[in-house]
N, C-alpha and C. Protein backbone atom coordinates (compact mmCIF):
# COMPACT_ATOMS: atom_id res chain seq x y z
N UNK A 1 -3.14 11.54 14.90
CA UNK A 1 -1.96 10.88 14.37
C UNK A 1 -2.30 10.20 13.05
N UNK A 2 -1.39 10.30 12.10
CA UNK A 2 -1.58 9.66 10.80
C UNK A 2 -1.55 8.15 10.93
N UNK A 3 -2.38 7.50 10.15
CA UNK A 3 -2.34 6.04 9.97
C UNK A 3 -2.18 5.84 8.48
N UNK A 4 -1.04 5.25 8.10
CA UNK A 4 -0.66 5.26 6.70
C UNK A 4 -0.39 3.84 6.21
N UNK A 5 -1.09 3.46 5.15
CA UNK A 5 -0.85 2.20 4.46
C UNK A 5 0.19 2.47 3.37
N UNK A 6 1.30 1.79 3.46
CA UNK A 6 2.42 2.04 2.54
C UNK A 6 2.29 1.14 1.32
N UNK A 7 2.22 1.77 0.17
CA UNK A 7 2.14 1.03 -1.09
C UNK A 7 3.51 0.45 -1.45
N UNK A 8 3.51 -0.56 -2.26
CA UNK A 8 4.72 -1.24 -2.68
C UNK A 8 5.74 -0.28 -3.29
N UNK A 9 5.28 0.69 -4.05
CA UNK A 9 6.20 1.62 -4.71
C UNK A 9 7.08 2.37 -3.70
N UNK A 10 6.53 2.69 -2.54
CA UNK A 10 7.30 3.39 -1.51
C UNK A 10 8.28 2.44 -0.84
N UNK A 11 7.85 1.21 -0.55
CA UNK A 11 8.76 0.23 0.03
C UNK A 11 9.95 -0.02 -0.89
N UNK A 12 9.72 -0.08 -2.17
CA UNK A 12 10.82 -0.29 -3.13
C UNK A 12 11.82 0.85 -3.03
N UNK A 13 11.32 2.07 -2.95
CA UNK A 13 12.21 3.24 -2.76
C UNK A 13 13.00 3.11 -1.45
N UNK A 14 12.33 2.70 -0.41
CA UNK A 14 12.93 2.56 0.91
C UNK A 14 14.07 1.54 0.89
N UNK A 15 13.86 0.40 0.24
CA UNK A 15 14.87 -0.65 0.21
C UNK A 15 15.96 -0.40 -0.83
N UNK A 16 15.64 0.33 -1.87
CA UNK A 16 16.56 0.48 -2.99
C UNK A 16 17.66 1.50 -2.72
N UNK A 17 17.30 2.69 -2.34
CA UNK A 17 18.30 3.75 -2.23
C UNK A 17 17.77 4.88 -1.37
N UNK A 18 18.67 5.80 -1.10
CA UNK A 18 18.26 6.99 -0.35
C UNK A 18 17.37 7.84 -1.26
N UNK A 19 16.19 8.17 -0.76
CA UNK A 19 15.27 9.01 -1.50
C UNK A 19 14.39 9.75 -0.52
N UNK A 20 13.75 10.80 -0.97
CA UNK A 20 12.85 11.55 -0.09
C UNK A 20 11.72 10.66 0.41
N UNK A 21 11.15 9.85 -0.48
CA UNK A 21 10.05 8.96 -0.08
C UNK A 21 10.55 7.92 0.92
N UNK A 22 11.72 7.36 0.69
CA UNK A 22 12.29 6.39 1.61
C UNK A 22 12.58 7.00 2.97
N UNK A 23 13.10 8.23 2.97
CA UNK A 23 13.36 8.92 4.23
C UNK A 23 12.07 9.20 4.98
N UNK A 24 11.02 9.55 4.25
CA UNK A 24 9.73 9.81 4.90
C UNK A 24 9.15 8.53 5.49
N UNK A 25 9.30 7.42 4.78
CA UNK A 25 8.84 6.15 5.32
C UNK A 25 9.61 5.82 6.60
N UNK A 26 10.89 6.06 6.61
CA UNK A 26 11.69 5.81 7.81
C UNK A 26 11.15 6.64 8.99
N UNK A 27 10.79 7.88 8.73
CA UNK A 27 10.23 8.73 9.78
C UNK A 27 8.90 8.17 10.28
N UNK A 28 8.04 7.74 9.36
CA UNK A 28 6.75 7.17 9.73
C UNK A 28 6.93 5.87 10.54
N UNK A 29 7.93 5.09 10.18
CA UNK A 29 8.20 3.86 10.93
C UNK A 29 8.59 4.18 12.37
N UNK A 30 9.41 5.21 12.54
CA UNK A 30 9.79 5.62 13.90
C UNK A 30 8.59 6.11 14.71
N UNK A 31 7.63 6.71 14.02
CA UNK A 31 6.43 7.24 14.69
C UNK A 31 5.36 6.16 14.90
N UNK A 32 5.61 4.97 14.39
CA UNK A 32 4.69 3.85 14.57
C UNK A 32 3.31 4.12 13.97
N UNK A 33 3.28 4.67 12.76
CA UNK A 33 2.02 4.98 12.09
C UNK A 33 1.81 4.16 10.82
N UNK A 34 2.71 3.21 10.56
CA UNK A 34 2.71 2.47 9.31
C UNK A 34 1.88 1.19 9.41
N UNK A 35 1.07 0.98 8.39
CA UNK A 35 0.26 -0.24 8.24
C UNK A 35 0.70 -0.96 6.98
N UNK A 36 0.44 -2.26 6.96
CA UNK A 36 0.65 -3.03 5.74
C UNK A 36 -0.50 -4.01 5.57
N UNK A 37 -0.50 -4.68 4.44
CA UNK A 37 -1.56 -5.66 4.14
C UNK A 37 -0.98 -6.77 3.27
N UNK A 38 -1.73 -7.84 3.13
CA UNK A 38 -1.26 -9.00 2.40
C UNK A 38 -0.85 -8.73 0.97
N UNK A 39 -1.55 -7.85 0.30
CA UNK A 39 -1.23 -7.56 -1.10
C UNK A 39 0.15 -6.95 -1.22
N UNK A 40 0.47 -6.01 -0.34
CA UNK A 40 1.79 -5.36 -0.36
C UNK A 40 2.87 -6.38 -0.01
N UNK A 41 2.63 -7.22 0.99
CA UNK A 41 3.59 -8.26 1.35
C UNK A 41 3.86 -9.15 0.14
N UNK A 42 2.79 -9.58 -0.52
CA UNK A 42 2.94 -10.42 -1.71
C UNK A 42 3.75 -9.73 -2.79
N UNK A 43 3.40 -8.49 -3.10
CA UNK A 43 4.11 -7.77 -4.16
C UNK A 43 5.60 -7.62 -3.85
N UNK A 44 5.93 -7.34 -2.60
CA UNK A 44 7.34 -7.21 -2.23
C UNK A 44 8.07 -8.54 -2.31
N UNK A 45 7.46 -9.58 -1.77
CA UNK A 45 8.15 -10.87 -1.71
C UNK A 45 8.28 -11.54 -3.07
N UNK A 46 7.36 -11.27 -3.98
CA UNK A 46 7.47 -11.90 -5.29
C UNK A 46 8.67 -11.38 -6.08
N UNK A 47 9.20 -10.24 -5.67
CA UNK A 47 10.32 -9.66 -6.39
C UNK A 47 11.69 -9.91 -5.76
N UNK A 48 11.75 -10.70 -4.69
CA UNK A 48 13.04 -10.91 -4.03
C UNK A 48 13.99 -11.73 -4.90
N UNK A 49 15.26 -11.43 -4.74
CA UNK A 49 16.28 -12.11 -5.53
C UNK A 49 17.13 -13.05 -4.69
N UNK A 50 16.96 -12.99 -3.36
CA UNK A 50 17.75 -13.86 -2.49
C UNK A 50 17.03 -14.05 -1.16
N UNK A 51 17.47 -15.06 -0.42
CA UNK A 51 16.91 -15.28 0.91
C UNK A 51 17.26 -14.12 1.85
N UNK A 52 18.43 -13.54 1.66
CA UNK A 52 18.83 -12.38 2.48
C UNK A 52 17.88 -11.21 2.25
N UNK A 53 17.59 -10.94 0.99
CA UNK A 53 16.65 -9.87 0.64
C UNK A 53 15.27 -10.15 1.24
N UNK A 54 14.83 -11.39 1.16
CA UNK A 54 13.54 -11.77 1.73
C UNK A 54 13.53 -11.54 3.24
N UNK A 55 14.61 -11.90 3.89
CA UNK A 55 14.71 -11.72 5.34
C UNK A 55 14.66 -10.25 5.73
N UNK A 56 15.34 -9.40 4.98
CA UNK A 56 15.33 -7.95 5.25
C UNK A 56 13.91 -7.40 5.13
N UNK A 57 13.22 -7.80 4.08
CA UNK A 57 11.84 -7.32 3.86
C UNK A 57 10.94 -7.82 4.98
N UNK A 58 11.02 -9.09 5.29
CA UNK A 58 10.15 -9.65 6.34
C UNK A 58 10.41 -9.00 7.69
N UNK A 59 11.67 -8.76 8.03
CA UNK A 59 12.01 -8.10 9.29
C UNK A 59 11.41 -6.70 9.36
N UNK A 60 11.34 -6.03 8.21
CA UNK A 60 10.77 -4.68 8.17
C UNK A 60 9.26 -4.67 8.33
N UNK A 61 8.61 -5.74 7.91
CA UNK A 61 7.14 -5.78 7.88
C UNK A 61 6.50 -6.45 9.10
N UNK A 62 7.20 -7.34 9.74
CA UNK A 62 6.59 -8.20 10.76
C UNK A 62 5.94 -7.47 11.94
N UNK A 63 6.46 -6.35 12.35
CA UNK A 63 5.93 -5.67 13.53
C UNK A 63 4.98 -4.52 13.22
N UNK A 64 4.57 -4.43 11.97
CA UNK A 64 3.66 -3.35 11.58
C UNK A 64 2.22 -3.74 11.85
N UNK A 65 1.37 -2.73 11.96
CA UNK A 65 -0.07 -2.99 11.99
C UNK A 65 -0.42 -3.67 10.67
N UNK A 66 -1.22 -4.72 10.74
CA UNK A 66 -1.51 -5.54 9.56
C UNK A 66 -3.02 -5.71 9.43
N UNK A 67 -3.48 -5.59 8.21
CA UNK A 67 -4.89 -5.85 7.95
C UNK A 67 -5.00 -6.69 6.68
N UNK A 68 -6.11 -7.37 6.57
CA UNK A 68 -6.30 -8.29 5.45
C UNK A 68 -7.64 -8.03 4.78
N UNK A 69 -7.80 -8.54 3.59
CA UNK A 69 -9.06 -8.41 2.86
C UNK A 69 -10.14 -9.23 3.55
N UNK A 70 -11.28 -8.62 3.75
CA UNK A 70 -12.45 -9.32 4.27
C UNK A 70 -13.48 -9.44 3.14
N UNK A 71 -14.56 -10.11 3.42
CA UNK A 71 -15.64 -10.24 2.46
C UNK A 71 -16.06 -8.86 1.96
N UNK A 72 -16.21 -7.92 2.87
CA UNK A 72 -16.62 -6.56 2.53
C UNK A 72 -15.59 -5.87 1.63
N UNK A 73 -14.31 -6.05 1.91
CA UNK A 73 -13.26 -5.44 1.07
C UNK A 73 -13.33 -5.96 -0.36
N UNK A 74 -13.51 -7.28 -0.51
CA UNK A 74 -13.60 -7.85 -1.86
C UNK A 74 -14.78 -7.24 -2.62
N UNK A 75 -15.89 -7.12 -1.92
CA UNK A 75 -17.10 -6.56 -2.53
C UNK A 75 -16.87 -5.09 -2.92
N UNK A 76 -16.29 -4.31 -2.02
CA UNK A 76 -16.04 -2.89 -2.32
C UNK A 76 -15.04 -2.72 -3.45
N UNK A 77 -14.03 -3.57 -3.49
CA UNK A 77 -13.05 -3.50 -4.57
C UNK A 77 -13.72 -3.79 -5.92
N UNK A 78 -14.62 -4.76 -5.94
CA UNK A 78 -15.35 -5.06 -7.18
C UNK A 78 -16.21 -3.88 -7.59
N UNK A 79 -16.89 -3.25 -6.63
CA UNK A 79 -17.71 -2.07 -6.93
C UNK A 79 -16.85 -0.94 -7.49
N UNK A 80 -15.67 -0.73 -6.89
CA UNK A 80 -14.75 0.30 -7.39
C UNK A 80 -14.33 0.01 -8.82
N UNK A 81 -14.01 -1.24 -9.08
CA UNK A 81 -13.56 -1.64 -10.41
C UNK A 81 -14.65 -1.37 -11.45
N UNK A 82 -15.88 -1.73 -11.12
CA UNK A 82 -17.00 -1.49 -12.04
C UNK A 82 -17.14 0.00 -12.33
N UNK A 83 -17.10 0.81 -11.29
CA UNK A 83 -17.26 2.27 -11.44
C UNK A 83 -16.12 2.86 -12.28
N UNK A 84 -14.91 2.43 -12.02
CA UNK A 84 -13.75 2.95 -12.75
C UNK A 84 -13.80 2.52 -14.21
N UNK A 85 -14.20 1.28 -14.47
CA UNK A 85 -14.30 0.80 -15.86
C UNK A 85 -15.38 1.55 -16.63
N UNK A 86 -16.46 1.93 -15.94
CA UNK A 86 -17.50 2.72 -16.60
C UNK A 86 -16.98 4.08 -17.03
N UNK A 87 -15.93 4.55 -16.34
CA UNK A 87 -15.30 5.82 -16.70
C UNK A 87 -14.18 5.63 -17.71
N UNK A 88 -14.06 4.42 -18.25
CA UNK A 88 -13.08 4.15 -19.30
C UNK A 88 -11.68 3.86 -18.80
N UNK A 89 -11.53 3.58 -17.51
CA UNK A 89 -10.20 3.33 -16.95
C UNK A 89 -10.09 1.88 -16.49
N UNK A 90 -8.88 1.37 -16.53
CA UNK A 90 -8.59 0.07 -15.95
C UNK A 90 -7.37 0.24 -15.05
N UNK A 91 -7.53 -0.14 -13.79
CA UNK A 91 -6.43 -0.02 -12.83
C UNK A 91 -6.02 -1.42 -12.38
N UNK A 92 -4.78 -1.56 -11.92
CA UNK A 92 -4.34 -2.87 -11.42
C UNK A 92 -5.24 -3.36 -10.27
N UNK A 93 -5.61 -4.61 -10.32
CA UNK A 93 -6.46 -5.18 -9.28
C UNK A 93 -5.83 -5.00 -7.90
N UNK A 94 -4.53 -5.20 -7.81
CA UNK A 94 -3.86 -5.08 -6.51
C UNK A 94 -4.07 -3.69 -5.91
N UNK A 95 -4.08 -2.67 -6.74
CA UNK A 95 -4.27 -1.31 -6.24
C UNK A 95 -5.72 -1.07 -5.82
N UNK A 96 -6.65 -1.71 -6.50
CA UNK A 96 -8.05 -1.62 -6.06
C UNK A 96 -8.22 -2.30 -4.70
N UNK A 97 -7.52 -3.41 -4.49
CA UNK A 97 -7.58 -4.09 -3.19
C UNK A 97 -6.99 -3.21 -2.09
N UNK A 98 -5.84 -2.61 -2.37
CA UNK A 98 -5.20 -1.72 -1.41
C UNK A 98 -6.11 -0.54 -1.09
N UNK A 99 -6.72 0.04 -2.11
CA UNK A 99 -7.63 1.17 -1.91
C UNK A 99 -8.82 0.76 -1.05
N UNK A 100 -9.37 -0.40 -1.31
CA UNK A 100 -10.51 -0.89 -0.54
C UNK A 100 -10.16 -1.00 0.95
N UNK A 101 -9.01 -1.58 1.23
CA UNK A 101 -8.55 -1.72 2.61
C UNK A 101 -8.36 -0.35 3.26
N UNK A 102 -7.70 0.54 2.54
CA UNK A 102 -7.42 1.88 3.09
C UNK A 102 -8.71 2.64 3.40
N UNK A 103 -9.65 2.59 2.50
CA UNK A 103 -10.92 3.30 2.70
C UNK A 103 -11.65 2.72 3.91
N UNK A 104 -11.72 1.41 3.99
CA UNK A 104 -12.46 0.77 5.07
C UNK A 104 -11.85 1.02 6.44
N UNK A 105 -10.53 1.14 6.51
CA UNK A 105 -9.85 1.34 7.79
C UNK A 105 -9.45 2.80 8.02
N UNK A 106 -9.91 3.70 7.14
CA UNK A 106 -9.59 5.13 7.24
C UNK A 106 -8.09 5.37 7.29
N UNK A 107 -7.38 4.75 6.35
CA UNK A 107 -5.93 4.89 6.24
C UNK A 107 -5.60 5.75 5.03
N UNK A 108 -4.57 6.54 5.15
CA UNK A 108 -4.03 7.25 4.01
C UNK A 108 -3.12 6.28 3.25
N UNK A 109 -3.00 6.45 1.95
CA UNK A 109 -2.10 5.62 1.16
C UNK A 109 -0.89 6.47 0.77
N UNK A 110 0.30 5.96 1.11
CA UNK A 110 1.55 6.60 0.71
C UNK A 110 2.04 5.84 -0.51
N UNK A 111 2.05 6.49 -1.65
CA UNK A 111 2.35 5.83 -2.92
C UNK A 111 3.02 6.78 -3.89
N UNK A 112 3.66 6.22 -4.88
CA UNK A 112 4.17 6.99 -6.01
C UNK A 112 3.27 6.85 -7.22
N UNK A 113 2.30 5.94 -7.13
CA UNK A 113 1.40 5.65 -8.25
C UNK A 113 0.29 6.69 -8.33
N UNK A 114 0.26 7.42 -9.41
CA UNK A 114 -0.70 8.51 -9.57
C UNK A 114 -2.14 8.04 -9.78
N UNK A 115 -2.32 6.80 -10.22
CA UNK A 115 -3.70 6.36 -10.51
C UNK A 115 -4.55 6.19 -9.25
N UNK A 116 -3.95 6.17 -8.06
CA UNK A 116 -4.76 6.12 -6.84
C UNK A 116 -5.66 7.35 -6.73
N UNK A 117 -5.23 8.46 -7.35
CA UNK A 117 -6.04 9.69 -7.33
C UNK A 117 -7.37 9.50 -8.04
N UNK A 118 -7.45 8.50 -8.89
CA UNK A 118 -8.66 8.26 -9.68
C UNK A 118 -9.67 7.39 -8.95
N UNK A 119 -9.35 6.96 -7.72
CA UNK A 119 -10.23 6.10 -6.96
C UNK A 119 -10.94 6.94 -5.91
N UNK A 120 -12.24 7.03 -6.06
CA UNK A 120 -13.06 7.83 -5.15
C UNK A 120 -12.94 7.33 -3.72
N UNK A 121 -12.73 8.26 -2.79
CA UNK A 121 -12.68 7.91 -1.37
C UNK A 121 -11.29 7.66 -0.83
N UNK A 122 -10.30 7.56 -1.70
CA UNK A 122 -8.93 7.32 -1.26
C UNK A 122 -8.33 8.62 -0.74
N UNK A 123 -7.68 8.52 0.41
CA UNK A 123 -6.92 9.64 0.97
C UNK A 123 -5.44 9.35 0.75
N UNK A 124 -4.77 10.25 0.06
CA UNK A 124 -3.35 10.05 -0.21
C UNK A 124 -2.51 10.77 0.84
N UNK A 125 -1.43 10.12 1.24
CA UNK A 125 -0.49 10.72 2.17
C UNK A 125 0.49 11.56 1.37
N UNK A 126 0.70 12.78 1.79
CA UNK A 126 1.71 13.62 1.14
C UNK A 126 2.59 14.22 2.22
N UNK A 127 3.78 14.52 1.82
CA UNK A 127 4.74 15.11 2.77
C UNK A 127 5.46 16.26 2.14
C-alpha cells in the first residue's frame, strides 16, 4: 500500500478547485494512505484568509498520519542542502525538510513542484 506525504501544492489544488491532483488526493484520503507533517501544516495555515478556511484545513489534516522533524531529519536536510548547493542549485528549505521526512519514513511525495526531482533519494508519487 502506498504511503504518501502530500506537499502543500497538492493541498492547495484540493482546496481550491476541481482538478486531477485534487481528485487523486481525495482518492488517497479515502484509502487512508495520506501523511502530513508540521511544515505542510504551517505552509497551509499561514495562507488562510478566514477562521472558516482555517477550520476546513484543520478538519482535513487532524486525522492523518503525522510525523515531525527529529534531530536526524534536521541533520539530513542540512546534508541535502550542502550537496544541492554544491551542484549550483538552491531549493526552498521547507522542501528540503519535507524531503528529509519522506526519505526517513519511506514515504512518496505527491507534489506539483518539479524541483523535488533534484533531491537524491526522494520517491515521487505519480498517478
